[in-house]
Amino acid sequence: MTHNNNKNIGTLARLRRAVIVSISGLKTAWKGEEAFRQEVCVAVIFIPTAFFLPVSLVLKLLLAGSLFLILAVELLNSAIEAAIDLVTEDAHPLAKNAKDLGSAAVLICVIQASVFWAVVLLDCYLNKWS
């Protein structure tokens, strides 16, 4: 394994490299992670929807942000799973715990986003008819 020494390159070059590596990570997740693809599809539908709701800009951004958070945590979960699979494919209790904890983090984000969206949509519905 080689260590990439970014100290010798300029700020723009380092930023460019970071963007390239990040895009590579997104492509890897899209190709290999079904859950990530499903969550992206949900985000593509709901993020624009948030901006058509009759709520403040802050709420619109929070609604969108709750979906971006799911994507970010899903990427972290996938990274944890890949790192564990690199180290061992044996059924080890600590490996199982790490994978389960990563999945639980995604679940917490999904629950948070679902509750947040449900409350905002219910409020929109009730205020429209009151």
Protein backbone atom coordinates (compact mmCIF):
# COMPACT_ATOMS: atom_id res chain seq x y z
CA MET A 1 0.00 0.00 0.00
CA THR A 2 1.41 3.38 -0.94
CA HIS A 3 0.90 6.62 0.86
CA ASN A 4 -0.17 9.54 -1.30
CA ASN A 5 1.78 12.59 -0.17
CA ASN A 6 -0.40 15.58 -1.04
CA LYS A 7 1.86 18.02 0.81
CA ASN A 8 3.90 18.67 -2.32
CA ILE A 9 1.03 19.71 -4.56
CA GLY A 10 -0.89 22.95 -4.65
CA THR A 11 -4.28 23.58 -3.13
CA LEU A 12 -6.16 23.46 -6.44
CA ALA A 13 -4.41 20.28 -7.51
CA ARG A 14 -5.21 18.68 -4.14
CA LEU A 15 -8.86 19.78 -4.45
CA ARG A 16 -9.02 18.39 -7.99
CA ARG A 17 -7.59 15.07 -6.80
CA ALA A 18 -10.06 14.94 -3.91
CA VAL A 19 -12.97 15.51 -6.30
CA ILE A 20 -11.72 12.78 -8.65
CA VAL A 21 -11.35 10.30 -5.79
CA SER A 22 -14.80 11.22 -4.45
CA ILE A 23 -16.43 10.74 -7.85
CA SER A 24 -14.71 7.37 -8.09
CA GLY A 25 -16.22 6.45 -4.73
CA LEU A 26 -19.69 7.47 -5.87
CA LYS A 27 -19.31 5.38 -9.04
CA THR A 28 -18.15 2.41 -6.98
CA ALA A 29 -21.13 2.75 -4.65
CA TRP A 30 -23.56 3.10 -7.56
CA LYS A 31 -22.17 -0.01 -9.29
CA GLY A 32 -21.83 -2.23 -6.25
CA GLU A 33 -24.33 -1.15 -3.61
CA GLU A 34 -28.01 -1.78 -4.30
CA ALA A 35 -29.10 0.07 -1.15
CA PHE A 36 -27.19 3.16 -2.27
CA ARG A 37 -28.88 3.05 -5.69
CA GLN A 38 -32.30 2.76 -4.04
CA GLU A 39 -31.58 5.66 -1.70
CA VAL A 40 -30.33 7.82 -4.59
CA CYS A 41 -33.57 7.12 -6.48
CA VAL A 42 -35.61 8.19 -3.44
CA ALA A 43 -33.48 11.32 -3.07
CA VAL A 44 -33.86 12.22 -6.76
CA ILE A 45 -37.64 12.20 -6.32
CA PHE A 46 -37.95 13.77 -2.88
CA ILE A 47 -35.27 16.47 -2.91
CA PRO A 48 -36.94 18.43 -5.76
CA THR A 49 -40.29 17.77 -4.09
CA ALA A 50 -39.05 19.50 -0.94
CA PHE A 51 -38.55 22.74 -2.87
CA PHE A 52 -42.18 22.79 -4.06
CA LEU A 53 -43.64 22.45 -0.57
CA PRO A 54 -45.22 25.53 1.01
CA VAL A 55 -42.66 25.70 3.83
CA SER A 56 -39.76 27.96 4.68
CA LEU A 57 -36.45 27.68 2.88
CA VAL A 58 -34.90 26.39 6.09
CA LEU A 59 -37.37 23.49 6.24
CA LYS A 60 -36.81 22.75 2.55
CA LEU A 61 -33.07 22.56 3.16
CA LEU A 62 -33.55 20.37 6.24
CA LEU A 63 -35.78 18.00 4.28
CA ALA A 64 -33.18 17.74 1.51
CA GLY A 65 -30.37 17.48 4.05
CA SER A 66 -32.04 14.55 5.79
CA LEU A 67 -31.85 12.63 2.52
CA PHE A 68 -28.24 13.63 1.84
CA LEU A 69 -27.41 12.40 5.34
CA ILE A 70 -28.81 8.96 4.50
CA LEU A 71 -26.60 8.82 1.41
CA ALA A 72 -23.51 9.89 3.35
CA VAL A 73 -24.06 7.36 6.12
CA GLU A 74 -24.77 4.63 3.55
CA LEU A 75 -21.41 5.40 1.93
CA LEU A 76 -19.69 5.15 5.32
CA ASN A 77 -21.48 1.87 6.01
CA SER A 78 -20.33 0.49 2.66
CA ALA A 79 -16.76 1.60 3.40
CA ILE A 80 -16.85 -0.18 6.77
CA GLU A 81 -18.16 -3.36 5.14
CA ALA A 82 -15.51 -3.24 2.40
CA ALA A 83 -12.70 -2.71 4.92
CA ILE A 84 -13.91 -5.62 7.03
CA ASP A 85 -14.23 -7.88 3.99
CA LEU A 86 -10.65 -6.95 3.04
CA VAL A 87 -9.38 -8.00 6.45
CA THR A 88 -11.41 -11.17 6.87
CA GLU A 89 -14.25 -13.07 5.29
CA ASP A 90 -14.46 -15.34 8.31
CA ALA A 91 -17.55 -15.10 10.48
CA HIS A 92 -16.02 -13.17 13.39
CA PRO A 93 -18.23 -11.60 16.10
CA LEU A 94 -16.39 -8.25 15.92
CA ALA A 95 -16.74 -8.10 12.14
CA LYS A 96 -20.46 -8.83 12.49
CA ASN A 97 -20.79 -6.14 15.16
CA ALA A 98 -19.07 -3.54 12.99
CA LYS A 99 -21.27 -4.34 10.00
CA ASP A 100 -24.42 -4.39 12.14
CA LEU A 101 -23.53 -1.06 13.75
CA GLY A 102 -22.99 0.52 10.32
CA SER A 103 -26.37 -0.76 9.18
CA ALA A 104 -27.97 0.53 12.37
CA ALA A 105 -26.55 4.00 11.67
CA VAL A 106 -28.23 3.97 8.26
CA LEU A 107 -31.49 2.83 9.84
CA ILE A 108 -31.39 5.68 12.38
CA CYS A 109 -30.96 8.17 9.52
CA VAL A 110 -33.83 6.62 7.57
CA ILE A 111 -36.11 6.77 10.62
CA GLN A 112 -35.11 10.39 11.31
CA ALA A 113 -35.74 11.44 7.71
CA SER A 114 -39.05 9.54 7.54
CA VAL A 115 -40.36 11.14 10.72
CA PHE A 116 -39.17 14.58 9.64
CA TRP A 117 -40.78 14.28 6.21
CA ALA A 118 -44.00 12.84 7.69
CA VAL A 119 -44.32 15.70 10.19
CA VAL A 120 -43.68 18.39 7.58
CA LEU A 121 -46.04 16.81 5.03
CA LEU A 122 -48.75 16.35 7.67
CA ASP A 123 -48.36 19.97 8.72
CA CYS A 124 -48.66 21.08 5.08
CA TYR A 125 -51.77 18.96 4.65
CA LEU A 126 -53.45 20.18 7.86
CA ASN A 127 -52.65 23.82 7.19
CA LYS A 128 -54.00 23.60 3.66
CA TRP A 129 -57.36 22.33 4.86
CA SER A 130 -57.76 24.38 8.03
